Amino acid sequence: FDQGHIFSLVYGEEAFQDLYIHELTHDMRHAAGFP
Protein backbone atom coordinates (compact mmCIF):
# COMPACT_ATOMS: atom_id res chain seq x y z
CA PHE A 1 0.00 0.00 0.00
CA ASP A 2 2.87 2.46 0.40
CA GLN A 3 2.76 5.25 -2.17
CA GLY A 4 5.37 7.49 -0.58
CA HIS A 5 3.86 7.63 2.89
CA ILE A 6 6.89 6.30 4.77
CA PHE A 7 9.48 8.54 3.14
CA SER A 8 7.15 11.54 3.33
CA LEU A 9 8.05 11.76 7.00
CA VAL A 10 11.61 12.60 5.91
CA TYR A 11 11.35 14.04 2.38
CA GLY A 12 7.96 15.72 2.58
CA GLU A 13 5.77 16.05 -0.51
CA GLU A 14 8.65 15.07 -2.81
CA ALA A 15 8.35 11.45 -1.61
CA PHE A 16 4.87 11.14 -3.14
CA GLN A 17 6.35 11.97 -6.55
CA ASP A 18 9.53 9.87 -6.35
CA LEU A 19 7.91 6.69 -4.92
CA TYR A 20 11.17 5.07 -3.78
CA ILE A 21 9.60 2.15 -1.94
CA HIS A 22 7.00 1.65 -4.66
CA GLU A 23 9.72 1.23 -7.26
CA LEU A 24 11.73 -1.01 -4.94
CA THR A 25 8.80 -3.36 -4.28
CA HIS A 26 7.09 -3.02 -7.67
CA ASP A 27 7.55 -6.60 -8.86
CA MET A 28 6.74 -7.98 -5.41
CA ARG A 29 3.43 -6.10 -5.52
CA HIS A 30 2.41 -7.75 -8.74
CA ALA A 31 3.57 -11.18 -7.54
CA ALA A 32 1.47 -10.74 -4.38
CA GLY A 33 -1.56 -9.66 -6.40
CA PHE A 34 -1.64 -5.96 -5.49
CA PRO A 35 -2.51 -3.67 -8.38
PDB file of all heavy atoms in Angstrom:
ATOM      1  N   PHE A   1       0.768  -1.237   0.000  1.00  0.00           N
ATOM      2  CA  PHE A   1       0.000   0.000   0.000  1.00  0.00           C
ATOM      3  C   PHE A   1       0.802   1.292   0.000  1.00  0.00           C
ATOM      4  O   PHE A   1       0.236   2.351  -0.211  1.00  0.00           O
ATOM      5  CB  PHE A   1      -0.942   0.015   1.217  1.00  0.00           C
ATOM      6  CG  PHE A   1      -1.895  -1.136   1.229  1.00  0.00           C
ATOM      7  CD1 PHE A   1      -1.731  -2.188   2.105  1.00  0.00           C
ATOM      8  CD2 PHE A   1      -2.949  -1.184   0.340  1.00  0.00           C
ATOM      9  CE1 PHE A   1      -2.599  -3.262   2.111  1.00  0.00           C
ATOM     10  CE2 PHE A   1      -3.826  -2.251   0.334  1.00  0.00           C
ATOM     11  CZ  PHE A   1      -3.659  -3.294   1.217  1.00  0.00           C
ATOM     12  N   ASP A   2       2.094   1.228   0.271  1.00  0.00           N
ATOM     13  CA  ASP A   2       2.868   2.463   0.396  1.00  0.00           C
ATOM     14  C   ASP A   2       2.999   3.168  -0.947  1.00  0.00           C
ATOM     15  O   ASP A   2       3.403   2.574  -1.936  1.00  0.00           O
ATOM     16  CB  ASP A   2       4.258   2.180   0.948  1.00  0.00           C
ATOM     17  CG  ASP A   2       5.045   3.449   1.130  1.00  0.00           C
ATOM     18  OD1 ASP A   2       4.606   4.285   1.934  1.00  0.00           O
ATOM     19  OD2 ASP A   2       6.074   3.621   0.452  1.00  0.00           O
ATOM     20  N   GLN A   3       2.628   4.410  -0.986  1.00  0.00           N
ATOM     21  CA  GLN A   3       2.765   5.253  -2.174  1.00  0.00           C
ATOM     22  C   GLN A   3       3.550   6.515  -1.810  1.00  0.00           C
ATOM     23  O   GLN A   3       3.211   7.612  -2.251  1.00  0.00           O
ATOM     24  CB  GLN A   3       1.383   5.632  -2.712  1.00  0.00           C
ATOM     25  CG  GLN A   3       0.575   4.489  -3.222  1.00  0.00           C
ATOM     26  CD  GLN A   3       1.110   3.926  -4.533  1.00  0.00           C
ATOM     27  OE1 GLN A   3       1.785   4.611  -5.278  1.00  0.00           O
ATOM     28  NE2 GLN A   3       0.818   2.679  -4.788  1.00  0.00           N
ATOM     29  N   GLY A   4       4.573   6.361  -1.006  1.00  0.00           N
ATOM     30  CA  GLY A   4       5.370   7.494  -0.580  1.00  0.00           C
ATOM     31  C   GLY A   4       5.110   7.912   0.850  1.00  0.00           C
ATOM     32  O   GLY A   4       5.710   8.873   1.342  1.00  0.00           O
ATOM     33  N   HIS A   5       4.240   7.222   1.539  1.00  0.00           N
ATOM     34  CA  HIS A   5       3.861   7.626   2.893  1.00  0.00           C
ATOM     35  C   HIS A   5       5.016   7.531   3.880  1.00  0.00           C
ATOM     36  O   HIS A   5       5.171   8.401   4.734  1.00  0.00           O
ATOM     37  CB  HIS A   5       2.697   6.769   3.396  1.00  0.00           C
ATOM     38  CG  HIS A   5       1.477   6.919   2.572  1.00  0.00           C
ATOM     39  ND1 HIS A   5       1.179   6.057   1.546  1.00  0.00           N
ATOM     40  CD2 HIS A   5       0.490   7.832   2.599  1.00  0.00           C
ATOM     41  CE1 HIS A   5       0.044   6.438   0.986  1.00  0.00           C
ATOM     42  NE2 HIS A   5      -0.396   7.514   1.604  1.00  0.00           N
ATOM     43  N   ILE A   6       5.813   6.485   3.797  1.00  0.00           N
ATOM     44  CA  ILE A   6       6.891   6.299   4.770  1.00  0.00           C
ATOM     45  C   ILE A   6       7.966   7.352   4.588  1.00  0.00           C
ATOM     46  O   ILE A   6       8.392   7.993   5.547  1.00  0.00           O
ATOM     47  CB  ILE A   6       7.470   4.882   4.655  1.00  0.00           C
ATOM     48  CG1 ILE A   6       6.418   3.869   5.109  1.00  0.00           C
ATOM     49  CG2 ILE A   6       8.740   4.740   5.496  1.00  0.00           C
ATOM     50  CD1 ILE A   6       6.813   2.446   4.939  1.00  0.00           C
ATOM     51  N   PHE A   7       8.427   7.552   3.368  1.00  0.00           N
ATOM     52  CA  PHE A   7       9.479   8.539   3.140  1.00  0.00           C
ATOM     53  C   PHE A   7       8.969   9.970   3.219  1.00  0.00           C
ATOM     54  O   PHE A   7       9.751  10.907   3.284  1.00  0.00           O
ATOM     55  CB  PHE A   7      10.168   8.305   1.800  1.00  0.00           C
ATOM     56  CG  PHE A   7      11.221   7.229   1.842  1.00  0.00           C
ATOM     57  CD1 PHE A   7      11.587   6.566   0.699  1.00  0.00           C
ATOM     58  CD2 PHE A   7      11.848   6.891   3.024  1.00  0.00           C
ATOM     59  CE1 PHE A   7      12.547   5.584   0.721  1.00  0.00           C
ATOM     60  CE2 PHE A   7      12.814   5.903   3.070  1.00  0.00           C
ATOM     61  CZ  PHE A   7      13.166   5.256   1.904  1.00  0.00           C
ATOM     62  N   SER A   8       7.658  10.171   3.207  1.00  0.00           N
ATOM     63  CA  SER A   8       7.146  11.538   3.325  1.00  0.00           C
ATOM     64  C   SER A   8       7.435  12.119   4.701  1.00  0.00           C
ATOM     65  O   SER A   8       7.455  13.336   4.862  1.00  0.00           O
ATOM     66  CB  SER A   8       5.642  11.576   3.039  1.00  0.00           C
ATOM     67  OG  SER A   8       4.925  10.953   4.086  1.00  0.00           O
ATOM     68  N   LEU A   9       7.670  11.267   5.677  1.00  0.00           N
ATOM     69  CA  LEU A   9       8.050  11.755   6.998  1.00  0.00           C
ATOM     70  C   LEU A   9       9.409  12.443   6.957  1.00  0.00           C
ATOM     71  O   LEU A   9       9.678  13.345   7.746  1.00  0.00           O
ATOM     72  CB  LEU A   9       8.087  10.595   8.000  1.00  0.00           C
ATOM     73  CG  LEU A   9       6.779   9.845   8.188  1.00  0.00           C
ATOM     74  CD1 LEU A   9       7.005   8.616   9.052  1.00  0.00           C
ATOM     75  CD2 LEU A   9       5.725  10.749   8.780  1.00  0.00           C
ATOM     76  N   VAL A  10      10.267  12.036   6.027  1.00  0.00           N
ATOM     77  CA  VAL A  10      11.611  12.601   5.914  1.00  0.00           C
ATOM     78  C   VAL A  10      11.701  13.605   4.765  1.00  0.00           C
ATOM     79  O   VAL A  10      12.208  14.707   4.938  1.00  0.00           O
ATOM     80  CB  VAL A  10      12.647  11.473   5.705  1.00  0.00           C
ATOM     81  CG1 VAL A  10      14.044  12.038   5.543  1.00  0.00           C
ATOM     82  CG2 VAL A  10      12.592  10.481   6.852  1.00  0.00           C
ATOM     83  N   TYR A  11      11.193  13.226   3.582  1.00  0.00           N
ATOM     84  CA  TYR A  11      11.353  14.038   2.382  1.00  0.00           C
ATOM     85  C   TYR A  11      10.193  14.987   2.105  1.00  0.00           C
ATOM     86  O   TYR A  11      10.282  15.817   1.210  1.00  0.00           O
ATOM     87  CB  TYR A  11      11.542  13.143   1.163  1.00  0.00           C
ATOM     88  CG  TYR A  11      12.842  12.379   1.173  1.00  0.00           C
ATOM     89  CD1 TYR A  11      12.853  10.999   1.179  1.00  0.00           C
ATOM     90  CD2 TYR A  11      14.050  13.036   1.194  1.00  0.00           C
ATOM     91  CE1 TYR A  11      14.024  10.290   1.204  1.00  0.00           C
ATOM     92  CE2 TYR A  11      15.234  12.346   1.207  1.00  0.00           C
ATOM     93  CZ  TYR A  11      15.223  10.974   1.216  1.00  0.00           C
ATOM     94  OH  TYR A  11      16.398  10.281   1.237  1.00  0.00           O
ATOM     95  N   GLY A  12       9.106  14.846   2.803  1.00  0.00           N
ATOM     96  CA  GLY A  12       7.961  15.722   2.582  1.00  0.00           C
ATOM     97  C   GLY A  12       7.180  15.321   1.343  1.00  0.00           C
ATOM     98  O   GLY A  12       7.096  14.154   0.976  1.00  0.00           O
ATOM     99  N   GLU A  13       6.627  16.302   0.669  1.00  0.00           N
ATOM    100  CA  GLU A  13       5.774  16.052  -0.508  1.00  0.00           C
ATOM    101  C   GLU A  13       6.539  15.442  -1.673  1.00  0.00           C
ATOM    102  O   GLU A  13       5.949  14.790  -2.532  1.00  0.00           O
ATOM    103  CB  GLU A  13       5.120  17.367  -0.958  1.00  0.00           C
ATOM    104  CG  GLU A  13       4.100  17.904   0.028  1.00  0.00           C
ATOM    105  CD  GLU A  13       2.904  16.970   0.167  1.00  0.00           C
ATOM    106  OE1 GLU A  13       2.449  16.411  -0.844  1.00  0.00           O
ATOM    107  OE2 GLU A  13       2.442  16.808   1.308  1.00  0.00           O
ATOM    108  N   GLU A  14       7.833  15.618  -1.720  1.00  0.00           N
ATOM    109  CA  GLU A  14       8.646  15.068  -2.805  1.00  0.00           C
ATOM    110  C   GLU A  14       8.586  13.533  -2.834  1.00  0.00           C
ATOM    111  O   GLU A  14       8.695  12.918  -3.892  1.00  0.00           O
ATOM    112  CB  GLU A  14      10.098  15.519  -2.636  1.00  0.00           C
ATOM    113  CG  GLU A  14      11.030  15.075  -3.727  1.00  0.00           C
ATOM    114  CD  GLU A  14      12.446  15.551  -3.482  1.00  0.00           C
ATOM    115  OE1 GLU A  14      12.626  16.600  -2.844  1.00  0.00           O
ATOM    116  OE2 GLU A  14      13.358  14.852  -3.929  1.00  0.00           O
ATOM    117  N   ALA A  15       8.402  12.916  -1.691  1.00  0.00           N
ATOM    118  CA  ALA A  15       8.352  11.452  -1.614  1.00  0.00           C
ATOM    119  C   ALA A  15       7.157  10.890  -2.359  1.00  0.00           C
ATOM    120  O   ALA A  15       7.222   9.776  -2.888  1.00  0.00           O
ATOM    121  CB  ALA A  15       8.310  11.008  -0.157  1.00  0.00           C
ATOM    122  N   PHE A  16       6.054  11.630  -2.427  1.00  0.00           N
ATOM    123  CA  PHE A  16       4.873  11.145  -3.144  1.00  0.00           C
ATOM    124  C   PHE A  16       5.091  11.159  -4.655  1.00  0.00           C
ATOM    125  O   PHE A  16       4.403  10.470  -5.390  1.00  0.00           O
ATOM    126  CB  PHE A  16       3.647  11.977  -2.778  1.00  0.00           C
ATOM    127  CG  PHE A  16       3.211  11.784  -1.355  1.00  0.00           C
ATOM    128  CD1 PHE A  16       3.401  12.782  -0.425  1.00  0.00           C
ATOM    129  CD2 PHE A  16       2.629  10.602  -0.943  1.00  0.00           C
ATOM    130  CE1 PHE A  16       3.002  12.615   0.896  1.00  0.00           C
ATOM    131  CE2 PHE A  16       2.226  10.412   0.367  1.00  0.00           C
ATOM    132  CZ  PHE A  16       2.422  11.427   1.291  1.00  0.00           C
ATOM    133  N   GLN A  17       6.044  11.927  -5.120  1.00  0.00           N
ATOM    134  CA  GLN A  17       6.347  11.968  -6.546  1.00  0.00           C
ATOM    135  C   GLN A  17       7.438  10.971  -6.923  1.00  0.00           C
ATOM    136  O   GLN A  17       7.407  10.390  -8.003  1.00  0.00           O
ATOM    137  CB  GLN A  17       6.770  13.374  -6.948  1.00  0.00           C
ATOM    138  CG  GLN A  17       5.673  14.377  -6.772  1.00  0.00           C
ATOM    139  CD  GLN A  17       6.175  15.806  -6.835  1.00  0.00           C
ATOM    140  OE1 GLN A  17       7.350  16.044  -6.970  1.00  0.00           O
ATOM    141  NE2 GLN A  17       5.246  16.752  -6.718  1.00  0.00           N
ATOM    142  N   ASP A  18       8.412  10.762  -6.035  1.00  0.00           N
ATOM    143  CA  ASP A  18       9.529   9.873  -6.345  1.00  0.00           C
ATOM    144  C   ASP A  18       9.193   8.394  -6.152  1.00  0.00           C
ATOM    145  O   ASP A  18       9.688   7.553  -6.898  1.00  0.00           O
ATOM    146  CB  ASP A  18      10.751  10.233  -5.495  1.00  0.00           C
ATOM    147  CG  ASP A  18      11.297  11.598  -5.860  1.00  0.00           C
ATOM    148  OD1 ASP A  18      11.051  12.063  -6.991  1.00  0.00           O
ATOM    149  OD2 ASP A  18      11.981  12.202  -5.014  1.00  0.00           O
ATOM    150  N   LEU A  19       8.371   8.057  -5.166  1.00  0.00           N
ATOM    151  CA  LEU A  19       7.910   6.689  -4.916  1.00  0.00           C
ATOM    152  C   LEU A  19       9.057   5.682  -4.813  1.00  0.00           C
ATOM    153  O   LEU A  19       9.094   4.663  -5.497  1.00  0.00           O
ATOM    154  CB  LEU A  19       6.932   6.249  -6.002  1.00  0.00           C
ATOM    155  CG  LEU A  19       5.651   7.047  -6.129  1.00  0.00           C
ATOM    156  CD1 LEU A  19       4.856   6.573  -7.320  1.00  0.00           C
ATOM    157  CD2 LEU A  19       4.833   6.959  -4.866  1.00  0.00           C
ATOM    158  N   TYR A  20      10.004   5.946  -3.924  1.00  0.00           N
ATOM    159  CA  TYR A  20      11.166   5.072  -3.776  1.00  0.00           C
ATOM    160  C   TYR A  20      10.776   3.645  -3.405  1.00  0.00           C
ATOM    161  O   TYR A  20      11.228   2.684  -4.033  1.00  0.00           O
ATOM    162  CB  TYR A  20      12.121   5.617  -2.713  1.00  0.00           C
ATOM    163  CG  TYR A  20      12.759   6.931  -3.079  1.00  0.00           C
ATOM    164  CD1 TYR A  20      12.548   8.049  -2.294  1.00  0.00           C
ATOM    165  CD2 TYR A  20      13.560   7.034  -4.197  1.00  0.00           C
ATOM    166  CE1 TYR A  20      13.128   9.259  -2.623  1.00  0.00           C
ATOM    167  CE2 TYR A  20      14.152   8.226  -4.538  1.00  0.00           C
ATOM    168  CZ  TYR A  20      13.941   9.349  -3.746  1.00  0.00           C
ATOM    169  OH  TYR A  20      14.509  10.528  -4.074  1.00  0.00           O
ATOM    170  N   ILE A  21       9.968   3.485  -2.386  1.00  0.00           N
ATOM    171  CA  ILE A  21       9.605   2.146  -1.937  1.00  0.00           C
ATOM    172  C   ILE A  21       8.706   1.460  -2.963  1.00  0.00           C
ATOM    173  O   ILE A  21       8.807   0.257  -3.182  1.00  0.00           O
ATOM    174  CB  ILE A  21       8.946   2.186  -0.546  1.00  0.00           C
ATOM    175  CG1 ILE A  21       9.986   2.635   0.475  1.00  0.00           C
ATOM    176  CG2 ILE A  21       8.388   0.829  -0.156  1.00  0.00           C
ATOM    177  CD1 ILE A  21       9.479   2.730   1.879  1.00  0.00           C
ATOM    178  N   HIS A  22       7.857   2.223  -3.622  1.00  0.00           N
ATOM    179  CA  HIS A  22       6.999   1.647  -4.661  1.00  0.00           C
ATOM    180  C   HIS A  22       7.854   1.029  -5.757  1.00  0.00           C
ATOM    181  O   HIS A  22       7.596  -0.088  -6.201  1.00  0.00           O
ATOM    182  CB  HIS A  22       6.080   2.716  -5.246  1.00  0.00           C
ATOM    183  CG  HIS A  22       5.278   2.226  -6.410  1.00  0.00           C
ATOM    184  ND1 HIS A  22       4.071   1.597  -6.245  1.00  0.00           N
ATOM    185  CD2 HIS A  22       5.527   2.241  -7.736  1.00  0.00           C
ATOM    186  CE1 HIS A  22       3.601   1.261  -7.438  1.00  0.00           C
ATOM    187  NE2 HIS A  22       4.471   1.639  -8.357  1.00  0.00           N
ATOM    188  N   GLU A  23       8.854   1.745  -6.203  1.00  0.00           N
ATOM    189  CA  GLU A  23       9.722   1.228  -7.264  1.00  0.00           C
ATOM    190  C   GLU A  23      10.550   0.051  -6.770  1.00  0.00           C
ATOM    191  O   GLU A  23      10.808  -0.885  -7.518  1.00  0.00           O
ATOM    192  CB  GLU A  23      10.633   2.337  -7.793  1.00  0.00           C
ATOM    193  CG  GLU A  23       9.882   3.454  -8.499  1.00  0.00           C
ATOM    194  CD  GLU A  23       9.068   2.958  -9.691  1.00  0.00           C
ATOM    195  OE1 GLU A  23       9.494   2.012 -10.381  1.00  0.00           O
ATOM    196  OE2 GLU A  23       7.997   3.539  -9.938  1.00  0.00           O
ATOM    197  N   LEU A  24      10.948   0.077  -5.502  1.00  0.00           N
ATOM    198  CA  LEU A  24      11.734  -1.013  -4.939  1.00  0.00           C
ATOM    199  C   LEU A  24      10.915  -2.291  -4.825  1.00  0.00           C
ATOM    200  O   LEU A  24      11.421  -3.392  -5.072  1.00  0.00           O
ATOM    201  CB  LEU A  24      12.265  -0.609  -3.558  1.00  0.00           C
ATOM    202  CG  LEU A  24      13.141  -1.613  -2.844  1.00  0.00           C
ATOM    203  CD1 LEU A  24      14.472  -1.767  -3.583  1.00  0.00           C
ATOM    204  CD2 LEU A  24      13.388  -1.173  -1.415  1.00  0.00           C
ATOM    205  N   THR A  25       9.653  -2.185  -4.489  1.00  0.00           N
ATOM    206  CA  THR A  25       8.803  -3.361  -4.275  1.00  0.00           C
ATOM    207  C   THR A  25       7.814  -3.589  -5.417  1.00  0.00           C
ATOM    208  O   THR A  25       6.857  -4.346  -5.257  1.00  0.00           O
ATOM    209  CB  THR A  25       8.020  -3.215  -2.965  1.00  0.00           C
ATOM    210  OG1 THR A  25       7.163  -2.062  -3.046  1.00  0.00           O
ATOM    211  CG2 THR A  25       8.932  -3.097  -1.770  1.00  0.00           C
ATOM    212  N   HIS A  26       8.045  -2.977  -6.559  1.00  0.00           N
ATOM    213  CA  HIS A  26       7.094  -3.024  -7.669  1.00  0.00           C
ATOM    214  C   HIS A  26       6.785  -4.443  -8.124  1.00  0.00           C
ATOM    215  O   HIS A  26       5.614  -4.834  -8.236  1.00  0.00           O
ATOM    216  CB  HIS A  26       7.612  -2.190  -8.836  1.00  0.00           C
ATOM    217  CG  HIS A  26       6.623  -2.041  -9.931  1.00  0.00           C
ATOM    218  ND1 HIS A  26       6.654  -2.813 -11.069  1.00  0.00           N
ATOM    219  CD2 HIS A  26       5.547  -1.239 -10.049  1.00  0.00           C
ATOM    220  CE1 HIS A  26       5.657  -2.461 -11.849  1.00  0.00           C
ATOM    221  NE2 HIS A  26       4.963  -1.513 -11.262  1.00  0.00           N
ATOM    222  N   ASP A  27       7.793  -5.242  -8.390  1.00  0.00           N
ATOM    223  CA  ASP A  27       7.549  -6.602  -8.865  1.00  0.00           C
ATOM    224  C   ASP A  27       6.939  -7.474  -7.775  1.00  0.00           C
ATOM    225  O   ASP A  27       6.128  -8.350  -8.061  1.00  0.00           O
ATOM    226  CB  ASP A  27       8.852  -7.230  -9.373  1.00  0.00           C
ATOM    227  CG  ASP A  27       9.342  -6.539 -10.640  1.00  0.00           C
ATOM    228  OD1 ASP A  27       8.504  -5.943 -11.348  1.00  0.00           O
ATOM    229  OD2 ASP A  27      10.551  -6.586 -10.912  1.00  0.00           O
ATOM    230  N   MET A  28       7.322  -7.226  -6.527  1.00  0.00           N
ATOM    231  CA  MET A  28       6.742  -7.982  -5.414  1.00  0.00           C
ATOM    232  C   MET A  28       5.247  -7.684  -5.294  1.00  0.00           C
ATOM    233  O   MET A  28       4.456  -8.569  -4.983  1.00  0.00           O
ATOM    234  CB  MET A  28       7.451  -7.621  -4.111  1.00  0.00           C
ATOM    235  CG  MET A  28       6.907  -8.328  -2.912  1.00  0.00           C
ATOM    236  SD  MET A  28       7.196 -10.078  -2.898  1.00  0.00           S
ATOM    237  CE  MET A  28       8.912 -10.097  -2.479  1.00  0.00           C
ATOM    238  N   ARG A  29       4.852  -6.457  -5.564  1.00  0.00           N
ATOM    239  CA  ARG A  29       3.431  -6.099  -5.517  1.00  0.00           C
ATOM    240  C   ARG A  29       2.635  -6.923  -6.509  1.00  0.00           C
ATOM    241  O   ARG A  29       1.588  -7.466  -6.195  1.00  0.00           O
ATOM    242  CB  ARG A  29       3.230  -4.633  -5.878  1.00  0.00           C
ATOM    243  CG  ARG A  29       3.479  -3.730  -4.770  1.00  0.00           C
ATOM    244  CD  ARG A  29       3.226  -2.308  -5.215  1.00  0.00           C
ATOM    245  NE  ARG A  29       3.601  -1.466  -4.097  1.00  0.00           N
ATOM    246  CZ  ARG A  29       2.984  -0.368  -3.769  1.00  0.00           C
ATOM    247  NH1 ARG A  29       2.017   0.076  -4.498  1.00  0.00           N
ATOM    248  NH2 ARG A  29       3.372   0.313  -2.732  1.00  0.00           N
ATOM    249  N   HIS A  30       3.145  -6.992  -7.730  1.00  0.00           N
ATOM    250  CA  HIS A  30       2.414  -7.750  -8.745  1.00  0.00           C
ATOM    251  C   HIS A  30       2.411  -9.238  -8.427  1.00  0.00           C
ATOM    252  O   HIS A  30       1.408  -9.918  -8.646  1.00  0.00           O
ATOM    253  CB  HIS A  30       3.018  -7.499 -10.124  1.00  0.00           C
ATOM    254  CG  HIS A  30       2.762  -6.109 -10.625  1.00  0.00           C
ATOM    255  ND1 HIS A  30       1.507  -5.641 -10.895  1.00  0.00           N
ATOM    256  CD2 HIS A  30       3.617  -5.092 -10.878  1.00  0.00           C
ATOM    257  CE1 HIS A  30       1.592  -4.386 -11.310  1.00  0.00           C
ATOM    258  NE2 HIS A  30       2.858  -4.029 -11.304  1.00  0.00           N
ATOM    259  N   ALA A  31       3.518  -9.758  -7.900  1.00  0.00           N
ATOM    260  CA  ALA A  31       3.571 -11.176  -7.536  1.00  0.00           C
ATOM    261  C   ALA A  31       2.599 -11.493  -6.408  1.00  0.00           C
ATOM    262  O   ALA A  31       2.031 -12.590  -6.364  1.00  0.00           O
ATOM    263  CB  ALA A  31       4.991 -11.550  -7.130  1.00  0.00           C
ATOM    264  N   ALA A  32       2.385 -10.536  -5.504  1.00  0.00           N
ATOM    265  CA  ALA A  32       1.469 -10.744  -4.381  1.00  0.00           C
ATOM    266  C   ALA A  32       0.018 -10.438  -4.755  1.00  0.00           C
ATOM    267  O   ALA A  32      -0.886 -10.653  -3.958  1.00  0.00           O
ATOM    268  CB  ALA A  32       1.893  -9.877  -3.203  1.00  0.00           C
ATOM    269  N   GLY A  33      -0.208  -9.918  -5.950  1.00  0.00           N
ATOM    270  CA  GLY A  33      -1.562  -9.663  -6.403  1.00  0.00           C
ATOM    271  C   GLY A  33      -2.086  -8.270  -6.116  1.00  0.00           C
ATOM    272  O   GLY A  33      -3.281  -8.020  -6.229  1.00  0.00           O
ATOM    273  N   PHE A  34      -1.217  -7.346  -5.725  1.00  0.00           N
ATOM    274  CA  PHE A  34      -1.641  -5.962  -5.490  1.00  0.00           C
ATOM    275  C   PHE A  34      -1.533  -5.163  -6.774  1.00  0.00           C
ATOM    276  O   PHE A  34      -0.471  -5.087  -7.378  1.00  0.00           O
ATOM    277  CB  PHE A  34      -0.741  -5.280  -4.443  1.00  0.00           C
ATOM    278  CG  PHE A  34      -0.935  -5.790  -3.055  1.00  0.00           C
ATOM    279  CD1 PHE A  34      -0.054  -6.702  -2.524  1.00  0.00           C
ATOM    280  CD2 PHE A  34      -1.995  -5.355  -2.283  1.00  0.00           C
ATOM    281  CE1 PHE A  34      -0.222  -7.170  -1.235  1.00  0.00           C
ATOM    282  CE2 PHE A  34      -2.170  -5.819  -0.997  1.00  0.00           C
ATOM    283  CZ  PHE A  34      -1.284  -6.730  -0.472  1.00  0.00           C
ATOM    284  N   PRO A  35      -2.612  -4.548  -7.218  1.00  0.00           N
ATOM    285  CA  PRO A  35      -2.514  -3.673  -8.381  1.00  0.00           C
ATOM    286  C   PRO A  35      -1.879  -2.339  -7.985  1.00  0.00           C
ATOM    287  O   PRO A  35      -2.072  -1.861  -6.878  1.00  0.00           O
ATOM    288  CB  PRO A  35      -3.968  -3.466  -8.804  1.00  0.00           C
ATOM    289  CG  PRO A  35      -4.736  -3.647  -7.545  1.00  0.00           C
ATOM    290  CD  PRO A  35      -3.979  -4.662  -6.727  1.00  0.00           C
TER     291      PRO A  35
END
